[in-house]
Amino acid sequence: MRAFIIMVYRQIKRFSRAKSRVVGMVVNPLIWLIFFGVGWSGVFKDVRVFGGVNYLTYLAPGIFAMTIFNQSFISGVSVIWDREFGFLKEVLVAPASRKETISGRIVGDSIVATVQGAIILFLTLLITEVRIPGILPTLGVGLLLAVAFSSFGVCLATRIQSMEGFQMIMAVLMLPIIFLSGAIYPINAMPWWMKLLAYINPLTYAVDGARSMLTDVDGVFPLSTDLSILGFLALAFLGIAMFAFERSTLE
């Protein structure tokens, strides 16, 4: 467990020292919430479309989930860099367990992403009507989401040798995953073929669970279903990432 704890501590320490990263992770979601949310809330006057709440309140859980998704998925880029030039290069030839090392890194990145989501969530209290008692359980949903997509990012990073290639894949995957999650508009408003894609989108269940706990909007799925699927995906992707990293080599 020593390698696991060291990697968790390292990821949290790196984040706390990166001032520009801290500022960027607050500003970017706020741009979505304020310029996108406030702008469109003037257009979407009919609250019945959004389950009886105003558009800003409807959007807040989506912004929370998007923040965690973006940060945890992008953490895979740093795995490529570290594997070739940084700390993980030494880890690959060290006697420490690779599975413990990469799982510690994933958990550390997931904690950082969840903290970022928590900051955004508390900031949304100033301009939305989210339920305060739902904040703590929502952070649990965020942590499951972060573990799932941090692990997924690592899985991709172990198969891709260049950061350019990884960034190209991210550009292709990230926007469809966000728009098909129900974060920005209701899944019920989608055509049938988009609904099918939304149902196999892991981010959908995080957005749905967070919205159920933070607002009075009825979820697309029961909360137990959202939590079960997220928990299963987090464990499955974590296991695959540990197996893939153990077999990875330096080129």
Protein backbone atom coordinates (compact mmCIF):
# COMPACT_ATOMS: atom_id res chain seq x y z
CA MET A 1 0.00 0.00 0.00
CA ARG A 2 2.98 2.33 0.32
CA ALA A 3 3.18 2.98 -3.43
CA PHE A 4 -0.57 3.62 -3.53
CA ILE A 5 -0.47 6.19 -0.72
CA ILE A 6 2.59 7.95 -2.16
CA MET A 7 0.94 8.37 -5.55
CA VAL A 8 -2.30 9.69 -4.03
CA TYR A 9 -0.29 12.22 -2.02
CA ARG A 10 1.80 13.19 -5.06
CA GLN A 11 -1.22 13.96 -7.25
CA ILE A 12 -2.88 16.09 -4.57
CA LYS A 13 0.40 17.91 -3.88
CA ARG A 14 0.95 18.64 -7.57
CA PHE A 15 -2.50 20.11 -7.89
CA SER A 16 -2.13 22.33 -4.81
CA ARG A 17 1.11 23.79 -6.18
CA ALA A 18 -0.20 24.51 -9.69
CA LYS A 19 -1.76 27.95 -9.23
CA SER A 20 -2.69 28.37 -12.91
CA ARG A 21 -4.41 24.98 -12.90
CA VAL A 22 -6.47 25.93 -9.84
CA VAL A 23 -7.56 29.19 -11.45
CA GLY A 24 -8.33 27.55 -14.79
CA MET A 25 -10.46 24.80 -13.30
CA VAL A 26 -12.68 27.41 -11.59
CA VAL A 27 -12.93 29.86 -14.49
CA ASN A 28 -13.77 27.39 -17.26
CA PRO A 29 -16.92 25.87 -15.67
CA LEU A 30 -18.05 29.32 -14.54
CA ILE A 31 -17.88 30.49 -18.16
CA TRP A 32 -20.27 27.66 -19.08
CA LEU A 33 -22.57 28.36 -16.16
CA ILE A 34 -22.71 32.14 -16.50
CA PHE A 35 -22.39 32.88 -20.22
CA PHE A 36 -24.14 29.73 -21.44
CA GLY A 37 -26.58 29.20 -18.58
CA VAL A 38 -27.59 32.82 -17.96
CA GLY A 39 -27.79 33.49 -21.68
CA TRP A 40 -30.05 30.53 -22.46
CA SER A 41 -32.15 30.94 -19.31
CA GLY A 42 -33.59 34.05 -20.93
CA VAL A 43 -34.70 31.92 -23.86
CA PHE A 44 -36.01 28.91 -21.91
CA LYS A 45 -38.86 30.51 -19.98
CA ASP A 46 -41.07 27.42 -19.82
CA VAL A 47 -39.85 25.62 -16.67
CA ARG A 48 -42.02 22.59 -17.48
CA VAL A 49 -39.44 21.59 -20.08
CA PHE A 50 -36.85 21.25 -17.31
CA GLY A 51 -38.94 19.43 -14.74
CA GLY A 52 -40.30 22.55 -13.01
CA VAL A 53 -37.03 24.34 -12.25
CA ASN A 54 -35.38 27.25 -14.05
CA TYR A 55 -32.70 26.49 -16.61
CA LEU A 56 -29.77 27.60 -14.41
CA THR A 57 -30.82 25.19 -11.66
CA TYR A 58 -31.31 22.44 -14.25
CA LEU A 59 -27.85 23.12 -15.71
CA ALA A 60 -25.94 23.24 -12.38
CA PRO A 61 -25.69 19.43 -11.84
CA GLY A 62 -24.60 19.07 -15.47
CA ILE A 63 -21.81 21.62 -15.04
CA PHE A 64 -20.70 19.80 -11.88
CA ALA A 65 -20.51 16.47 -13.72
CA MET A 66 -18.88 18.06 -16.79
CA THR A 67 -16.15 19.60 -14.61
CA ILE A 68 -15.26 16.28 -13.04
CA PHE A 69 -15.47 14.44 -16.36
CA ASN A 70 -13.16 16.90 -18.13
CA GLN A 71 -10.54 16.97 -15.39
CA SER A 72 -10.45 13.22 -14.78
CA PHE A 73 -10.38 12.29 -18.48
CA ILE A 74 -7.62 14.80 -19.26
CA SER A 75 -5.47 13.31 -16.50
CA GLY A 76 -4.64 10.57 -19.01
CA VAL A 77 -2.51 13.07 -20.95
CA SER A 78 -0.17 13.50 -18.00
CA VAL A 79 0.18 9.72 -17.75
CA ILE A 80 1.67 9.68 -21.26
CA TRP A 81 4.11 12.47 -20.37
CA ASP A 82 5.09 10.94 -17.03
CA ARG A 83 5.54 7.51 -18.56
CA GLU A 84 8.01 8.79 -21.14
CA PHE A 85 9.83 11.62 -19.35
CA GLY A 86 8.67 11.96 -15.76
CA PHE A 87 8.08 10.13 -12.51
CA LEU A 88 6.32 7.10 -13.98
CA LYS A 89 9.37 6.32 -16.11
CA GLU A 90 11.22 5.46 -12.92
CA VAL A 91 8.19 3.66 -11.51
CA LEU A 92 8.10 1.29 -14.49
CA VAL A 93 11.59 0.00 -13.63
CA ALA A 94 11.17 0.16 -9.84
CA PRO A 95 10.40 -2.88 -7.65
CA ALA A 96 7.12 -1.26 -6.53
CA SER A 97 3.83 -2.79 -7.67
CA ARG A 98 2.64 -1.20 -10.90
CA LYS A 99 -0.97 -1.92 -9.98
CA GLU A 100 -0.64 -0.05 -6.68
CA THR A 101 1.16 2.81 -8.39
CA ILE A 102 -1.38 3.42 -11.13
CA SER A 103 -4.38 2.86 -8.84
CA GLY A 104 -2.90 5.43 -6.44
CA ARG A 105 -2.49 7.88 -9.29
CA ILE A 106 -6.07 7.30 -10.45
CA VAL A 107 -7.49 7.77 -6.95
CA GLY A 108 -5.35 10.89 -6.44
CA ASP A 109 -6.51 12.39 -9.73
CA SER A 110 -10.10 11.45 -8.85
CA ILE A 111 -9.91 13.22 -5.49
CA VAL A 112 -8.53 16.32 -7.20
CA ALA A 113 -11.30 16.25 -9.84
CA THR A 114 -13.96 15.81 -7.14
CA VAL A 115 -12.57 18.77 -5.19
CA GLN A 116 -12.79 20.85 -8.36
CA GLY A 117 -16.40 19.77 -8.82
CA ALA A 118 -17.14 20.62 -5.19
CA ILE A 119 -15.80 24.15 -5.63
CA ILE A 120 -17.99 24.70 -8.68
CA LEU A 121 -20.98 23.21 -6.86
CA PHE A 122 -20.61 25.60 -3.92
CA LEU A 123 -20.22 28.54 -6.29
CA THR A 124 -23.47 27.61 -8.02
CA LEU A 125 -25.31 28.11 -4.72
CA LEU A 126 -25.04 31.85 -5.36
CA ILE A 127 -27.09 31.81 -8.57
CA THR A 128 -29.16 28.60 -8.51
CA GLU A 129 -31.74 26.88 -6.32
CA VAL A 130 -30.01 23.53 -5.74
CA ARG A 131 -30.80 21.60 -2.56
CA ILE A 132 -28.04 21.95 0.04
CA PRO A 133 -28.68 18.52 1.70
CA GLY A 134 -28.00 16.88 -1.67
CA ILE A 135 -24.48 18.29 -1.99
CA LEU A 136 -22.63 15.66 0.08
CA PRO A 137 -24.14 12.57 -1.62
CA THR A 138 -23.61 14.28 -4.97
CA LEU A 139 -19.89 14.46 -4.23
CA GLY A 140 -19.98 10.66 -3.83
CA VAL A 141 -21.44 10.41 -7.33
CA GLY A 142 -18.70 12.75 -8.53
CA LEU A 143 -15.99 10.54 -7.03
CA LEU A 144 -17.35 7.44 -8.78
CA LEU A 145 -17.48 9.38 -12.04
CA ALA A 146 -13.92 10.60 -11.56
CA VAL A 147 -12.56 7.10 -10.88
CA ALA A 148 -14.35 5.74 -13.95
CA PHE A 149 -13.05 8.35 -16.40
CA SER A 150 -9.57 8.68 -14.84
CA SER A 151 -9.25 4.93 -15.30
CA PHE A 152 -10.62 5.15 -18.83
CA GLY A 153 -8.10 7.89 -19.64
CA VAL A 154 -5.26 5.71 -18.32
CA CYS A 155 -6.52 2.77 -20.42
CA LEU A 156 -6.26 4.95 -23.54
CA ALA A 157 -2.92 6.40 -22.47
CA THR A 158 -1.34 2.95 -22.16
CA ARG A 159 -2.24 2.23 -25.79
CA ILE A 160 -1.31 5.61 -27.28
CA GLN A 161 2.29 6.73 -27.49
CA SER A 162 1.90 10.44 -28.30
CA MET A 163 0.07 13.23 -26.51
CA GLU A 164 -1.04 14.57 -29.89
CA GLY A 165 -2.84 11.31 -30.65
CA PHE A 166 -4.48 11.26 -27.23
CA GLN A 167 -5.64 14.87 -27.59
CA MET A 168 -7.15 14.08 -30.99
CA ILE A 169 -9.11 11.20 -29.48
CA MET A 170 -10.24 13.44 -26.62
CA ALA A 171 -11.46 16.06 -29.07
CA VAL A 172 -13.53 13.42 -30.86
CA LEU A 173 -14.99 11.83 -27.70
CA MET A 174 -15.50 14.62 -25.19
CA LEU A 175 -18.15 16.78 -26.86
CA PRO A 176 -20.44 13.86 -27.87
CA ILE A 177 -20.17 12.43 -24.35
CA ILE A 178 -21.14 15.80 -22.85
CA PHE A 179 -24.02 16.55 -25.24
CA LEU A 180 -25.43 13.01 -24.97
CA SER A 181 -25.42 13.03 -21.16
CA GLY A 182 -28.44 15.25 -20.52
CA ALA A 183 -26.19 17.83 -18.89
CA ILE A 184 -27.32 20.68 -21.16
CA TYR A 185 -30.78 19.60 -22.35
CA PRO A 186 -33.19 16.81 -21.35
CA ILE A 187 -32.71 13.33 -22.73
CA ASN A 188 -36.48 13.10 -23.27
CA ALA A 189 -36.17 15.84 -25.89
CA MET A 190 -33.72 13.80 -27.97
CA PRO A 191 -34.70 11.71 -31.01
CA TRP A 192 -34.82 7.97 -30.39
CA TRP A 193 -31.38 7.22 -31.84
CA MET A 194 -29.74 9.85 -29.63
CA LYS A 195 -31.54 8.41 -26.60
CA LEU A 196 -29.99 5.01 -27.34
CA LEU A 197 -26.53 6.60 -27.37
CA ALA A 198 -27.33 8.51 -24.18
CA TYR A 199 -28.27 5.29 -22.39
CA ILE A 200 -24.83 3.77 -23.05
CA ASN A 201 -23.03 6.97 -22.05
CA PRO A 202 -21.48 6.67 -18.54
CA LEU A 203 -21.72 10.43 -17.96
CA THR A 204 -25.51 10.21 -18.34
CA TYR A 205 -25.85 8.32 -15.05
CA ALA A 206 -23.68 10.79 -13.14
CA VAL A 207 -25.68 13.77 -14.44
CA ASP A 208 -28.97 12.01 -13.75
CA GLY A 209 -27.96 11.01 -10.21
CA ALA A 210 -26.60 14.46 -9.37
CA ARG A 211 -29.72 16.16 -10.72
CA SER A 212 -32.00 13.86 -8.71
CA MET A 213 -30.19 14.74 -5.48
CA LEU A 214 -29.69 18.45 -6.11
CA THR A 215 -33.04 19.46 -7.63
CA ASP A 216 -36.71 18.52 -7.67
CA VAL A 217 -36.41 17.17 -11.20
CA ASP A 218 -37.33 13.50 -11.54
CA GLY A 219 -34.45 11.40 -12.78
CA VAL A 220 -34.55 9.52 -16.06
CA PHE A 221 -33.51 6.42 -14.09
CA PRO A 222 -33.97 5.43 -10.43
CA LEU A 223 -31.14 6.73 -8.25
CA SER A 224 -30.19 3.16 -7.32
CA THR A 225 -29.68 2.41 -11.02
CA ASP A 226 -27.45 5.47 -11.48
CA LEU A 227 -25.28 4.54 -8.50
CA SER A 228 -25.06 0.85 -9.42
CA ILE A 229 -23.96 1.54 -12.99
CA LEU A 230 -21.43 4.19 -11.94
CA GLY A 231 -20.00 1.91 -9.24
CA PHE A 232 -19.71 -1.00 -11.66
CA LEU A 233 -18.02 1.16 -14.34
CA ALA A 234 -15.59 2.66 -11.82
CA LEU A 235 -14.47 -0.77 -10.62
CA ALA A 236 -14.37 -2.24 -14.13
CA PHE A 237 -12.32 0.59 -15.68
CA LEU A 238 -10.01 0.68 -12.65
CA GLY A 239 -9.32 -3.04 -13.01
CA ILE A 240 -8.67 -2.71 -16.76
CA ALA A 241 -6.37 0.28 -16.19
CA MET A 242 -4.33 -1.61 -13.58
CA PHE A 243 -3.99 -4.61 -15.90
CA ALA A 244 -3.08 -2.44 -18.91
CA PHE A 245 -0.48 -0.40 -17.02
CA GLU A 246 1.14 -3.51 -15.59
CA ARG A 247 1.75 -4.74 -19.14
CA SER A 248 2.90 -1.37 -20.53
CA THR A 249 6.50 -0.84 -21.62
CA LEU A 250 8.80 2.06 -22.45
CA GLU A 251 9.36 2.54 -26.16
